[in-house]
Amino acid sequence: MPELAPEILSTWSSCHQSRPQLMRAKIEDMVLYIHKEDVPEFKKGGSVVRNSYFWALRSIAGQAYRNRDWEYEAEVWVALSRMLLSFSESRYLGLSETILEFPRSQEQIPDVLRSISTWE
């Protein structure tokens, strides 16, 4: 069973006692869905990093509508993984915004997503 990447988990553990609320995700028919409540929001006049993160994630999404889960086809999973890891390592964003959390019912997390994913 994959766990949070060790370097990310150690960063979190050194600052916090409990496990963070992460970005809920699932895969159906080779499409990754990020829960609508967990996708970043664009805020006019908001943080440059957060708004850049919003546009970066939105730019590779197959579907990214307001009040709906965002969808990512398998073809962009490498880019998604690299993007999430990069923003996480920058430490400008927290784990809750950069780590995918899959339900236990998800039988397997694809290899390409393991470094930025965990189980609920």
PDB file of N, CA and C in Angstrom:
ATOM      1  N   MET A   1       0.831  -1.182   0.000  1.00  0.00           N
ATOM      2  CA  MET A   1       0.000   0.000   0.000  1.00  0.00           C
ATOM      3  C   MET A   1       0.878   1.248   0.000  1.00  0.00           C
ATOM      4  N   PRO A   2       0.689   2.161  -0.939  1.00  0.00           N
ATOM      5  CA  PRO A   2       1.520   3.351  -0.939  1.00  0.00           C
ATOM      6  C   PRO A   2       1.180   4.282   0.211  1.00  0.00           C
ATOM      7  N   GLU A   3       2.162   4.975   0.670  1.00  0.00           N
ATOM      8  CA  GLU A   3       1.997   5.986   1.705  1.00  0.00           C
ATOM      9  C   GLU A   3       2.524   7.295   1.146  1.00  0.00           C
ATOM     10  N   LEU A   4       2.392   8.354   1.908  1.00  0.00           N
ATOM     11  CA  LEU A   4       2.935   9.632   1.474  1.00  0.00           C
ATOM     12  C   LEU A   4       4.435   9.503   1.245  1.00  0.00           C
ATOM     13  N   ALA A   5       4.937  10.201   0.238  1.00  0.00           N
ATOM     14  CA  ALA A   5       6.370  10.199  -0.020  1.00  0.00           C
ATOM     15  C   ALA A   5       7.097  10.574   1.272  1.00  0.00           C
ATOM     16  N   PRO A   6       8.169   9.856   1.640  1.00  0.00           N
ATOM     17  CA  PRO A   6       8.835  10.074   2.929  1.00  0.00           C
ATOM     18  C   PRO A   6       9.247  11.515   3.186  1.00  0.00           C
ATOM     19  N   GLU A   7       9.809  12.198   2.185  1.00  0.00           N
ATOM     20  CA  GLU A   7      10.256  13.570   2.412  1.00  0.00           C
ATOM     21  C   GLU A   7       9.091  14.511   2.665  1.00  0.00           C
ATOM     22  N   ILE A   8       7.946  14.232   2.045  1.00  0.00           N
ATOM     23  CA  ILE A   8       6.760  15.061   2.251  1.00  0.00           C
ATOM     24  C   ILE A   8       6.164  14.772   3.621  1.00  0.00           C
ATOM     25  N   LEU A   9       6.071  13.501   3.975  1.00  0.00           N
ATOM     26  CA  LEU A   9       5.510  13.123   5.264  1.00  0.00           C
ATOM     27  C   LEU A   9       6.355  13.661   6.416  1.00  0.00           C
ATOM     28  N   SER A  10       7.679  13.614   6.285  1.00  0.00           N
ATOM     29  CA  SER A  10       8.517  14.107   7.372  1.00  0.00           C
ATOM     30  C   SER A  10       8.350  15.612   7.551  1.00  0.00           C
ATOM     31  N   THR A  11       8.174  16.332   6.456  1.00  0.00           N
ATOM     32  CA  THR A  11       7.930  17.769   6.540  1.00  0.00           C
ATOM     33  C   THR A  11       6.632  18.024   7.284  1.00  0.00           C
ATOM     34  N   TRP A  12       5.597  17.279   6.939  1.00  0.00           N
ATOM     35  CA  TRP A  12       4.307  17.459   7.604  1.00  0.00           C
ATOM     36  C   TRP A  12       4.412  17.086   9.076  1.00  0.00           C
ATOM     37  N   SER A  13       5.003  15.936   9.365  1.00  0.00           N
ATOM     38  CA  SER A  13       5.061  15.437  10.738  1.00  0.00           C
ATOM     39  C   SER A  13       5.818  16.366  11.671  1.00  0.00           C
ATOM     40  N   SER A  14       6.820  17.053  11.146  1.00  0.00           N
ATOM     41  CA  SER A  14       7.595  17.933  12.008  1.00  0.00           C
ATOM     42  C   SER A  14       6.806  19.157  12.444  1.00  0.00           C
ATOM     43  N   CYS A  15       5.709  19.459  11.744  1.00  0.00           N
ATOM     44  CA  CYS A  15       4.927  20.662  12.052  1.00  0.00           C
ATOM     45  C   CYS A  15       3.548  20.370  12.639  1.00  0.00           C
ATOM     46  N   HIS A  16       3.041  19.164  12.475  1.00  0.00           N
ATOM     47  CA  HIS A  16       1.657  18.885  12.848  1.00  0.00           C
ATOM     48  C   HIS A  16       1.524  17.549  13.561  1.00  0.00           C
ATOM     49  N   GLN A  17       0.478  17.408  14.327  1.00  0.00           N
ATOM     50  CA  GLN A  17       0.217  16.181  15.070  1.00  0.00           C
ATOM     51  C   GLN A  17      -0.681  15.208  14.308  1.00  0.00           C
ATOM     52  N   SER A  18      -1.727  15.729  13.647  1.00  0.00           N
ATOM     53  CA  SER A  18      -2.682  14.845  12.982  1.00  0.00           C
ATOM     54  C   SER A  18      -2.485  14.857  11.469  1.00  0.00           C
ATOM     55  N   ARG A  19      -3.053  13.883  10.833  1.00  0.00           N
ATOM     56  CA  ARG A  19      -2.943  13.750   9.379  1.00  0.00           C
ATOM     57  C   ARG A  19      -3.790  14.826   8.693  1.00  0.00           C
ATOM     58  N   PRO A  20      -3.282  15.427   7.605  1.00  0.00           N
ATOM     59  CA  PRO A  20      -4.018  16.492   6.917  1.00  0.00           C
ATOM     60  C   PRO A  20      -5.187  15.957   6.095  1.00  0.00           C
ATOM     61  N   GLN A  21      -6.168  16.817   5.831  1.00  0.00           N
ATOM     62  CA  GLN A  21      -7.231  16.511   4.873  1.00  0.00           C
ATOM     63  C   GLN A  21      -6.619  16.710   3.493  1.00  0.00           C
ATOM     64  N   LEU A  22      -6.625  15.681   2.681  1.00  0.00           N
ATOM     65  CA  LEU A  22      -5.963  15.728   1.381  1.00  0.00           C
ATOM     66  C   LEU A  22      -6.976  15.883   0.257  1.00  0.00           C
ATOM     67  N   MET A  23      -6.481  15.980  -0.983  1.00  0.00           N
ATOM     68  CA  MET A  23      -7.371  16.107  -2.141  1.00  0.00           C
ATOM     69  C   MET A  23      -7.960  14.726  -2.468  1.00  0.00           C
ATOM     70  N   ARG A  24      -9.257  14.606  -2.274  1.00  0.00           N
ATOM     71  CA  ARG A  24      -9.922  13.336  -2.534  1.00  0.00           C
ATOM     72  C   ARG A  24      -9.933  13.057  -4.036  1.00  0.00           C
ATOM     73  N   ALA A  25      -9.556  11.836  -4.392  1.00  0.00           N
ATOM     74  CA  ALA A  25      -9.453  11.463  -5.802  1.00  0.00           C
ATOM     75  C   ALA A  25      -9.974  10.049  -6.008  1.00  0.00           C
ATOM     76  N   LYS A  26     -10.347   9.781  -7.244  1.00  0.00           N
ATOM     77  CA  LYS A  26     -10.749   8.429  -7.630  1.00  0.00           C
ATOM     78  C   LYS A  26     -10.428   8.260  -9.101  1.00  0.00           C
ATOM     79  N   ILE A  27     -10.333   7.007  -9.520  1.00  0.00           N
ATOM     80  CA  ILE A  27     -10.102   6.707 -10.935  1.00  0.00           C
ATOM     81  C   ILE A  27     -11.235   5.808 -11.413  1.00  0.00           C
ATOM     82  N   GLU A  28     -11.856   6.226 -12.505  1.00  0.00           N
ATOM     83  CA  GLU A  28     -12.893   5.431 -13.164  1.00  0.00           C
ATOM     84  C   GLU A  28     -12.640   5.468 -14.661  1.00  0.00           C
ATOM     85  N   ASP A  29     -12.592   4.299 -15.284  1.00  0.00           N
ATOM     86  CA  ASP A  29     -12.379   4.203 -16.729  1.00  0.00           C
ATOM     87  C   ASP A  29     -11.153   4.991 -17.173  1.00  0.00           C
ATOM     88  N   MET A  30     -10.076   4.877 -16.428  1.00  0.00           N
ATOM     89  CA  MET A  30      -8.794   5.526 -16.735  1.00  0.00           C
ATOM     90  C   MET A  30      -8.869   7.044 -16.740  1.00  0.00           C
ATOM     91  N   VAL A  31      -9.821   7.593 -16.011  1.00  0.00           N
ATOM     92  CA  VAL A  31      -9.915   9.037 -15.807  1.00  0.00           C
ATOM     93  C   VAL A  31      -9.804   9.286 -14.311  1.00  0.00           C
ATOM     94  N   LEU A  32      -8.894  10.173 -13.936  1.00  0.00           N
ATOM     95  CA  LEU A  32      -8.715  10.551 -12.536  1.00  0.00           C
ATOM     96  C   LEU A  32      -9.633  11.732 -12.253  1.00  0.00           C
ATOM     97  N   TYR A  33     -10.377  11.633 -11.175  1.00  0.00           N
ATOM     98  CA  TYR A  33     -11.282  12.705 -10.753  1.00  0.00           C
ATOM     99  C   TYR A  33     -10.790  13.270  -9.431  1.00  0.00           C
ATOM    100  N   ILE A  34     -10.656  14.595  -9.355  1.00  0.00           N
ATOM    101  CA  ILE A  34     -10.353  15.257  -8.087  1.00  0.00           C
ATOM    102  C   ILE A  34     -11.645  15.902  -7.610  1.00  0.00           C
ATOM    103  N   HIS A  35     -12.003  15.614  -6.373  1.00  0.00           N
ATOM    104  CA  HIS A  35     -13.270  16.074  -5.803  1.00  0.00           C
ATOM    105  C   HIS A  35     -13.413  17.582  -5.930  1.00  0.00           C
ATOM    106  N   LYS A  36     -14.604  18.008  -6.303  1.00  0.00           N
ATOM    107  CA  LYS A  36     -14.878  19.434  -6.560  1.00  0.00           C
ATOM    108  C   LYS A  36     -14.577  20.338  -5.371  1.00  0.00           C
ATOM    109  N   GLU A  37     -14.696  19.844  -4.159  1.00  0.00           N
ATOM    110  CA  GLU A  37     -14.414  20.670  -2.977  1.00  0.00           C
ATOM    111  C   GLU A  37     -12.917  20.796  -2.688  1.00  0.00           C
ATOM    112  N   ASP A  38     -12.107  19.979  -3.380  1.00  0.00           N
ATOM    113  CA  ASP A  38     -10.674  19.942  -3.101  1.00  0.00           C
ATOM    114  C   ASP A  38      -9.812  20.570  -4.198  1.00  0.00           C
ATOM    115  N   VAL A  39     -10.414  20.979  -5.296  1.00  0.00           N
ATOM    116  CA  VAL A  39      -9.632  21.623  -6.353  1.00  0.00           C
ATOM    117  C   VAL A  39      -9.334  23.066  -5.942  1.00  0.00           C
ATOM    118  N   PRO A  40      -8.230  23.624  -6.444  1.00  0.00           N
ATOM    119  CA  PRO A  40      -7.902  25.000  -6.058  1.00  0.00           C
ATOM    120  C   PRO A  40      -8.912  25.995  -6.622  1.00  0.00           C
ATOM    121  N   GLU A  41      -8.989  27.145  -5.962  1.00  0.00           N
ATOM    122  CA  GLU A  41      -9.873  28.210  -6.430  1.00  0.00           C
ATOM    123  C   GLU A  41      -9.036  29.363  -6.948  1.00  0.00           C
ATOM    124  N   PHE A  42      -9.530  30.013  -7.987  1.00  0.00           N
ATOM    125  CA  PHE A  42      -8.907  31.237  -8.452  1.00  0.00           C
ATOM    126  C   PHE A  42      -9.508  32.383  -7.660  1.00  0.00           C
ATOM    127  N   LYS A  43      -8.650  33.242  -7.138  1.00  0.00           N
ATOM    128  CA  LYS A  43      -9.130  34.400  -6.384  1.00  0.00           C
ATOM    129  C   LYS A  43      -8.499  35.648  -6.965  1.00  0.00           C
ATOM    130  N   LYS A  44      -9.322  36.520  -7.526  1.00  0.00           N
ATOM    131  CA  LYS A  44      -8.829  37.776  -8.069  1.00  0.00           C
ATOM    132  C   LYS A  44      -8.128  38.553  -6.951  1.00  0.00           C
ATOM    133  N   GLY A  45      -6.900  38.937  -7.203  1.00  0.00           N
ATOM    134  CA  GLY A  45      -6.123  39.630  -6.184  1.00  0.00           C
ATOM    135  C   GLY A  45      -5.531  38.694  -5.144  1.00  0.00           C
ATOM    136  N   GLY A  46      -5.687  37.380  -5.348  1.00  0.00           N
ATOM    137  CA  GLY A  46      -5.183  36.401  -4.390  1.00  0.00           C
ATOM    138  C   GLY A  46      -3.708  36.106  -4.587  1.00  0.00           C
ATOM    139  N   SER A  47      -3.227  35.135  -3.871  1.00  0.00           N
ATOM    140  CA  SER A  47      -1.835  34.714  -3.920  1.00  0.00           C
ATOM    141  C   SER A  47      -1.429  34.335  -5.347  1.00  0.00           C
ATOM    142  N   VAL A  48      -0.289  34.824  -5.780  1.00  0.00           N
ATOM    143  CA  VAL A  48       0.214  34.504  -7.114  1.00  0.00           C
ATOM    144  C   VAL A  48       0.472  33.005  -7.230  1.00  0.00           C
ATOM    145  N   VAL A  49       1.050  32.411  -6.189  1.00  0.00           N
ATOM    146  CA  VAL A  49       1.341  30.973  -6.218  1.00  0.00           C
ATOM    147  C   VAL A  49       0.050  30.173  -6.330  1.00  0.00           C
ATOM    148  N   ARG A  50      -0.945  30.472  -5.518  1.00  0.00           N
ATOM    149  CA  ARG A  50      -2.211  29.728  -5.553  1.00  0.00           C
ATOM    150  C   ARG A  50      -2.937  29.907  -6.881  1.00  0.00           C
ATOM    151  N   ASN A  51      -2.928  31.112  -7.405  1.00  0.00           N
ATOM    152  CA  ASN A  51      -3.585  31.335  -8.693  1.00  0.00           C
ATOM    153  C   ASN A  51      -2.820  30.655  -9.829  1.00  0.00           C
ATOM    154  N   SER A  52      -1.502  30.639  -9.761  1.00  0.00           N
ATOM    155  CA  SER A  52      -0.704  29.917 -10.765  1.00  0.00           C
ATOM    156  C   SER A  52      -0.990  28.422 -10.684  1.00  0.00           C
ATOM    157  N   TYR A  53      -1.109  27.918  -9.471  1.00  0.00           N
ATOM    158  CA  TYR A  53      -1.434  26.502  -9.249  1.00  0.00           C
ATOM    159  C   TYR A  53      -2.800  26.178  -9.853  1.00  0.00           C
ATOM    160  N   PHE A  54      -3.779  27.041  -9.621  1.00  0.00           N
ATOM    161  CA  PHE A  54      -5.109  26.869 -10.197  1.00  0.00           C
ATOM    162  C   PHE A  54      -5.011  26.750 -11.720  1.00  0.00           C
ATOM    163  N   TRP A  55      -4.337  27.706 -12.360  1.00  0.00           N
ATOM    164  CA  TRP A  55      -4.262  27.704 -13.826  1.00  0.00           C
ATOM    165  C   TRP A  55      -3.443  26.536 -14.353  1.00  0.00           C
ATOM    166  N   ALA A  56      -2.386  26.145 -13.645  1.00  0.00           N
ATOM    167  CA  ALA A  56      -1.569  25.003 -14.071  1.00  0.00           C
ATOM    168  C   ALA A  56      -2.392  23.712 -14.047  1.00  0.00           C
ATOM    169  N   LEU A  57      -3.102  23.464 -12.942  1.00  0.00           N
ATOM    170  CA  LEU A  57      -3.929  22.254 -12.858  1.00  0.00           C
ATOM    171  C   LEU A  57      -5.079  22.287 -13.852  1.00  0.00           C
ATOM    172  N   ARG A  58      -5.660  23.440 -14.008  1.00  0.00           N
ATOM    173  CA  ARG A  58      -6.786  23.570 -14.941  1.00  0.00           C
ATOM    174  C   ARG A  58      -6.336  23.356 -16.386  1.00  0.00           C
ATOM    175  N   SER A  59      -5.130  23.792 -16.708  1.00  0.00           N
ATOM    176  CA  SER A  59      -4.648  23.722 -18.090  1.00  0.00           C
ATOM    177  C   SER A  59      -4.469  22.294 -18.593  1.00  0.00           C
ATOM    178  N   ILE A  60      -4.213  21.339 -17.707  1.00  0.00           N
ATOM    179  CA  ILE A  60      -4.036  19.956 -18.164  1.00  0.00           C
ATOM    180  C   ILE A  60      -5.260  19.089 -17.902  1.00  0.00           C
ATOM    181  N   ALA A  61      -6.279  19.656 -17.287  1.00  0.00           N
ATOM    182  CA  ALA A  61      -7.510  18.899 -17.013  1.00  0.00           C
ATOM    183  C   ALA A  61      -8.313  18.712 -18.292  1.00  0.00           C
ATOM    184  N   GLY A  62      -8.901  17.535 -18.420  1.00  0.00           N
ATOM    185  CA  GLY A  62      -9.815  17.301 -19.540  1.00  0.00           C
ATOM    186  C   GLY A  62     -11.109  18.064 -19.342  1.00  0.00           C
ATOM    187  N   GLN A  63     -11.580  18.114 -18.101  1.00  0.00           N
ATOM    188  CA  GLN A  63     -12.774  18.867 -17.705  1.00  0.00           C
ATOM    189  C   GLN A  63     -12.449  19.549 -16.381  1.00  0.00           C
ATOM    190  N   ALA A  64     -12.746  20.837 -16.295  1.00  0.00           N
ATOM    191  CA  ALA A  64     -12.487  21.585 -15.058  1.00  0.00           C
ATOM    192  C   ALA A  64     -13.547  22.660 -14.903  1.00  0.00           C
ATOM    193  N   TYR A  65     -14.757  22.219 -14.635  1.00  0.00           N
ATOM    194  CA  TYR A  65     -15.861  23.158 -14.481  1.00  0.00           C
ATOM    195  C   TYR A  65     -16.085  23.494 -13.012  1.00  0.00           C
ATOM    196  N   ARG A  66     -16.605  24.674 -12.774  1.00  0.00           N
ATOM    197  CA  ARG A  66     -16.942  25.098 -11.419  1.00  0.00           C
ATOM    198  C   ARG A  66     -18.019  24.163 -10.855  1.00  0.00           C
ATOM    199  N   ASN A  67     -17.880  23.812  -9.587  1.00  0.00           N
ATOM    200  CA  ASN A  67     -18.836  22.958  -8.871  1.00  0.00           C
ATOM    201  C   ASN A  67     -18.956  21.549  -9.438  1.00  0.00           C
ATOM    202  N   ARG A  68     -17.900  21.080 -10.088  1.00  0.00           N
ATOM    203  CA  ARG A  68     -17.835  19.697 -10.572  1.00  0.00           C
ATOM    204  C   ARG A  68     -16.441  19.157 -10.319  1.00  0.00           C
ATOM    205  N   ASP A  69     -16.343  17.839 -10.204  1.00  0.00           N
ATOM    206  CA  ASP A  69     -15.024  17.218 -10.077  1.00  0.00           C
ATOM    207  C   ASP A  69     -14.203  17.539 -11.323  1.00  0.00           C
ATOM    208  N   TRP A  70     -12.892  17.752 -11.125  1.00  0.00           N
ATOM    209  CA  TRP A  70     -12.001  17.968 -12.261  1.00  0.00           C
ATOM    210  C   TRP A  70     -11.533  16.608 -12.760  1.00  0.00           C
ATOM    211  N   GLU A  71     -11.392  16.477 -14.084  1.00  0.00           N
ATOM    212  CA  GLU A  71     -11.059  15.200 -14.710  1.00  0.00           C
ATOM    213  C   GLU A  71      -9.711  15.269 -15.418  1.00  0.00           C
ATOM    214  N   TYR A  72      -8.930  14.207 -15.225  1.00  0.00           N
ATOM    215  CA  TYR A  72      -7.613  14.101 -15.849  1.00  0.00           C
ATOM    216  C   TYR A  72      -7.480  12.732 -16.511  1.00  0.00           C
ATOM    217  N   GLU A  73      -7.302  12.736 -17.837  1.00  0.00           N
ATOM    218  CA  GLU A  73      -7.107  11.495 -18.569  1.00  0.00           C
ATOM    219  C   GLU A  73      -5.708  10.947 -18.289  1.00  0.00           C
ATOM    220  N   ALA A  74      -5.532   9.665 -18.496  1.00  0.00           N
ATOM    221  CA  ALA A  74      -4.261   8.993 -18.207  1.00  0.00           C
ATOM    222  C   ALA A  74      -3.078   9.640 -18.933  1.00  0.00           C
ATOM    223  N   GLU A  75      -3.313  10.237 -20.081  1.00  0.00           N
ATOM    224  CA  GLU A  75      -2.234  10.846 -20.866  1.00  0.00           C
ATOM    225  C   GLU A  75      -1.537  11.986 -20.126  1.00  0.00           C
ATOM    226  N   VAL A  76      -2.203  12.611 -19.153  1.00  0.00           N
ATOM    227  CA  VAL A  76      -1.598  13.750 -18.451  1.00  0.00           C
ATOM    228  C   VAL A  76      -1.178  13.409 -17.021  1.00  0.00           C
ATOM    229  N   TRP A  77      -1.275  12.150 -16.626  1.00  0.00           N
ATOM    230  CA  TRP A  77      -0.949  11.793 -15.253  1.00  0.00           C
ATOM    231  C   TRP A  77       0.509  12.070 -14.905  1.00  0.00           C
ATOM    232  N   VAL A  78       1.429  11.884 -15.846  1.00  0.00           N
ATOM    233  CA  VAL A  78       2.842  12.190 -15.569  1.00  0.00           C
ATOM    234  C   VAL A  78       2.978  13.683 -15.282  1.00  0.00           C
ATOM    235  N   ALA A  79       2.373  14.513 -16.120  1.00  0.00           N
ATOM    236  CA  ALA A  79       2.432  15.964 -15.912  1.00  0.00           C
ATOM    237  C   ALA A  79       1.773  16.346 -14.589  1.00  0.00           C
ATOM    238  N   LEU A  80       0.629  15.749 -14.282  1.00  0.00           N
ATOM    239  CA  LEU A  80      -0.070  16.032 -13.033  1.00  0.00           C
ATOM    240  C   LEU A  80       0.807  15.665 -11.836  1.00  0.00           C
ATOM    241  N   SER A  81       1.407  14.513 -11.887  1.00  0.00           N
ATOM    242  CA  SER A  81       2.275  14.054 -10.806  1.00  0.00           C
ATOM    243  C   SER A  81       3.449  15.006 -10.603  1.00  0.00           C
ATOM    244  N   ARG A  82       4.100  15.392 -11.688  1.00  0.00           N
ATOM    245  CA  ARG A  82       5.243  16.304 -11.591  1.00  0.00           C
ATOM    246  C   ARG A  82       4.812  17.669 -11.048  1.00  0.00           C
ATOM    247  N   MET A  83       3.663  18.128 -11.489  1.00  0.00           N
ATOM    248  CA  MET A  83       3.167  19.427 -11.047  1.00  0.00           C
ATOM    249  C   MET A  83       2.857  19.414  -9.554  1.00  0.00           C
ATOM    250  N   LEU A  84       2.136  18.386  -9.096  1.00  0.00           N
ATOM    251  CA  LEU A  84       1.795  18.290  -7.677  1.00  0.00           C
ATOM    252  C   LEU A  84       3.050  18.170  -6.820  1.00  0.00           C
ATOM    253  N   LEU A  85       3.998  17.367  -7.257  1.00  0.00           N
ATOM    254  CA  LEU A  85       5.239  17.195  -6.506  1.00  0.00           C
ATOM    255  C   LEU A  85       6.033  18.500  -6.460  1.00  0.00           C
ATOM    256  N   SER A  86       6.107  19.197  -7.565  1.00  0.00           N
ATOM    257  CA  SER A  86       6.831  20.459  -7.619  1.00  0.00           C
ATOM    258  C   SER A  86       6.232  21.506  -6.691  1.00  0.00           C
ATOM    259  N   PHE A  87       4.901  21.651  -6.726  1.00  0.00           N
ATOM    260  CA  PHE A  87       4.258  22.622  -5.844  1.00  0.00           C
ATOM    261  C   PHE A  87       4.389  22.203  -4.378  1.00  0.00           C
ATOM    262  N   SER A  88       4.353  20.907  -4.118  1.00  0.00           N
ATOM    263  CA  SER A  88       4.515  20.418  -2.746  1.00  0.00           C
ATOM    264  C   SER A  88       5.919  20.696  -2.231  1.00  0.00           C
ATOM    265  N   GLU A  89       6.918  20.416  -3.042  1.00  0.00           N
ATOM    266  CA  GLU A  89       8.306  20.619  -2.633  1.00  0.00           C
ATOM    267  C   GLU A  89       8.643  22.092  -2.445  1.00  0.00           C
ATOM    268  N   SER A  90       7.916  22.966  -3.125  1.00  0.00           N
ATOM    269  CA  SER A  90       8.172  24.408  -2.981  1.00  0.00           C
ATOM    270  C   SER A  90       7.797  24.898  -1.593  1.00  0.00           C
ATOM    271  N   ARG A  91       6.907  24.169  -0.924  1.00  0.00           N
ATOM    272  CA  ARG A  91       6.414  24.485   0.420  1.00  0.00           C
ATOM    273  C   ARG A  91       5.570  25.756   0.480  1.00  0.00           C
ATOM    274  N   TYR A  92       5.178  26.268  -0.678  1.00  0.00           N
ATOM    275  CA  TYR A  92       4.244  27.397  -0.686  1.00  0.00           C
ATOM    276  C   TYR A  92       2.818  26.914  -0.459  1.00  0.00           C
ATOM    277  N   LEU A  93       2.569  25.648  -0.782  1.00  0.00           N
ATOM    278  CA  LEU A  93       1.244  25.060  -0.605  1.00  0.00           C
ATOM    279  C   LEU A  93       1.356  23.877   0.339  1.00  0.00           C
ATOM    280  N   GLY A  94       0.287  23.609   1.068  1.00  0.00           N
ATOM    281  CA  GLY A  94       0.293  22.494   2.013  1.00  0.00           C
ATOM    282  C   GLY A  94      -0.039  21.165   1.359  1.00  0.00           C
ATOM    283  N   LEU A  95       0.125  20.103   2.133  1.00  0.00           N
ATOM    284  CA  LEU A  95      -0.191  18.766   1.646  1.00  0.00           C
ATOM    285  C   LEU A  95      -1.648  18.634   1.241  1.00  0.00           C
ATOM    286  N   SER A  96      -2.523  19.335   1.942  1.00  0.00           N
ATOM    287  CA  SER A  96      -3.946  19.230   1.634  1.00  0.00           C
ATOM    288  C   SER A  96      -4.253  19.704   0.213  1.00  0.00           C
ATOM    289  N   GLU A  97      -3.337  20.462  -0.359  1.00  0.00           N
ATOM    290  CA  GLU A  97      -3.543  20.994  -1.701  1.00  0.00           C
ATOM    291  C   GLU A  97      -2.719  20.281  -2.770  1.00  0.00           C
ATOM    292  N   THR A  98      -1.853  19.364  -2.355  1.00  0.00           N
ATOM    293  CA  THR A  98      -0.935  18.767  -3.332  1.00  0.00           C
ATOM    294  C   THR A  98      -0.841  17.245  -3.295  1.00  0.00           C
ATOM    295  N   ILE A  99      -1.544  16.592  -2.380  1.00  0.00           N
ATOM    296  CA  ILE A  99      -1.496  15.131  -2.276  1.00  0.00           C
ATOM    297  C   ILE A  99      -2.878  14.556  -2.578  1.00  0.00           C
ATOM    298  N   LEU A 100      -2.910  13.557  -3.445  1.00  0.00           N
ATOM    299  CA  LEU A 100      -4.165  12.884  -3.791  1.00  0.00           C
ATOM    300  C   LEU A 100      -4.454  11.791  -2.767  1.00  0.00           C
ATOM    301  N   GLU A 101      -5.694  11.703  -2.343  1.00  0.00           N
ATOM    302  CA  GLU A 101      -6.103  10.675  -1.386  1.00  0.00           C
ATOM    303  C   GLU A 101      -7.177   9.816  -2.038  1.00  0.00           C
ATOM    304  N   PHE A 102      -6.849   8.541  -2.237  1.00  0.00           N
ATOM    305  CA  PHE A 102      -7.776   7.613  -2.883  1.00  0.00           C
ATOM    306  C   PHE A 102      -8.549   6.818  -1.837  1.00  0.00           C
ATOM    307  N   PRO A 103      -9.794   6.456  -2.148  1.00  0.00           N
ATOM    308  CA  PRO A 103     -10.566   5.626  -1.217  1.00  0.00           C
ATOM    309  C   PRO A 103      -9.979   4.219  -1.151  1.00  0.00           C
ATOM    310  N   ARG A 104     -10.189   3.561  -0.046  1.00  0.00           N
ATOM    311  CA  ARG A 104      -9.696   2.179   0.104  1.00  0.00           C
ATOM    312  C   ARG A 104     -10.278   1.261  -0.971  1.00  0.00           C
ATOM    313  N   SER A 105     -11.435   1.621  -1.488  1.00  0.00           N
ATOM    314  CA  SER A 105     -12.070   0.796  -2.520  1.00  0.00           C
ATOM    315  C   SER A 105     -11.324   0.852  -3.852  1.00  0.00           C
ATOM    316  N   GLN A 106     -10.452   1.837  -4.010  1.00  0.00           N
ATOM    317  CA  GLN A 106      -9.620   1.926  -5.216  1.00  0.00           C
ATOM    318  C   GLN A 106      -8.599   0.804  -5.115  1.00  0.00           C
ATOM    319  N   GLU A 107      -8.694  -0.185  -5.974  1.00  0.00           N
ATOM    320  CA  GLU A 107      -7.868  -1.375  -5.830  1.00  0.00           C
ATOM    321  C   GLU A 107      -6.380  -1.102  -5.958  1.00  0.00           C
ATOM    322  N   GLN A 108      -6.021  -0.162  -6.819  1.00  0.00           N
ATOM    323  CA  GLN A 108      -4.614   0.107  -7.040  1.00  0.00           C
ATOM    324  C   GLN A 108      -4.417   1.561  -7.440  1.00  0.00           C
ATOM    325  N   ILE A 109      -3.328   2.139  -6.974  1.00  0.00           N
ATOM    326  CA  ILE A 109      -2.935   3.475  -7.404  1.00  0.00           C
ATOM    327  C   ILE A 109      -1.880   3.280  -8.488  1.00  0.00           C
ATOM    328  N   PRO A 110      -2.099   3.830  -9.675  1.00  0.00           N
ATOM    329  CA  PRO A 110      -1.123   3.659 -10.758  1.00  0.00           C
ATOM    330  C   PRO A 110       0.275   4.137 -10.344  1.00  0.00           C
ATOM    331  N   ASP A 111       1.296   3.446 -10.828  1.00  0.00           N
ATOM    332  CA  ASP A 111       2.683   3.759 -10.476  1.00  0.00           C
ATOM    333  C   ASP A 111       3.010   5.233 -10.656  1.00  0.00           C
ATOM    334  N   VAL A 112       2.555   5.819 -11.738  1.00  0.00           N
ATOM    335  CA  VAL A 112       2.898   7.205 -12.052  1.00  0.00           C
ATOM    336  C   VAL A 112       2.344   8.198 -11.021  1.00  0.00           C
ATOM    337  N   LEU A 113       1.340   7.796 -10.259  1.00  0.00           N
ATOM    338  CA  LEU A 113       0.708   8.681  -9.272  1.00  0.00           C
ATOM    339  C   LEU A 113       1.126   8.380  -7.835  1.00  0.00           C
ATOM    340  N   ARG A 114       1.872   7.335  -7.618  1.00  0.00           N
ATOM    341  CA  ARG A 114       2.184   6.893  -6.250  1.00  0.00           C
ATOM    342  C   ARG A 114       2.966   7.890  -5.428  1.00  0.00           C
ATOM    343  N   SER A 115       3.847   8.655  -6.036  1.00  0.00           N
ATOM    344  CA  SER A 115       4.687   9.578  -5.261  1.00  0.00           C
ATOM    345  C   SER A 115       3.897  10.759  -4.707  1.00  0.00           C
ATOM    346  N   ILE A 116       2.691  10.989  -5.227  1.00  0.00           N
ATOM    347  CA  ILE A 116       1.886  12.127  -4.777  1.00  0.00           C
ATOM    348  C   ILE A 116       0.511  11.651  -4.285  1.00  0.00           C
ATOM    349  N   SER A 117       0.435  10.381  -3.880  1.00  0.00           N
ATOM    350  CA  SER A 117      -0.860   9.802  -3.499  1.00  0.00           C
ATOM    351  C   SER A 117      -0.743   8.968  -2.230  1.00  0.00           C
ATOM    352  N   THR A 118      -1.924   8.748  -1.647  1.00  0.00           N
ATOM    353  CA  THR A 118      -2.026   7.847  -0.497  1.00  0.00           C
ATOM    354  C   THR A 118      -3.465   7.319  -0.474  1.00  0.00           C
ATOM    355  N   TRP A 119      -3.733   6.404   0.469  1.00  0.00           N
ATOM    356  CA  TRP A 119      -5.091   5.895   0.685  1.00  0.00           C
ATOM    357  C   TRP A 119      -5.748   6.700   1.787  1.00  0.00           C
ATOM    358  N   GLU A 120      -7.073   6.719   1.818  1.00  0.00           N
ATOM    359  CA  GLU A 120      -7.782   7.422   2.901  1.00  0.00           C
ATOM    360  C   GLU A 120      -7.632   6.655   4.196  1.00  0.00           C
TER     361      GLU A 120
END
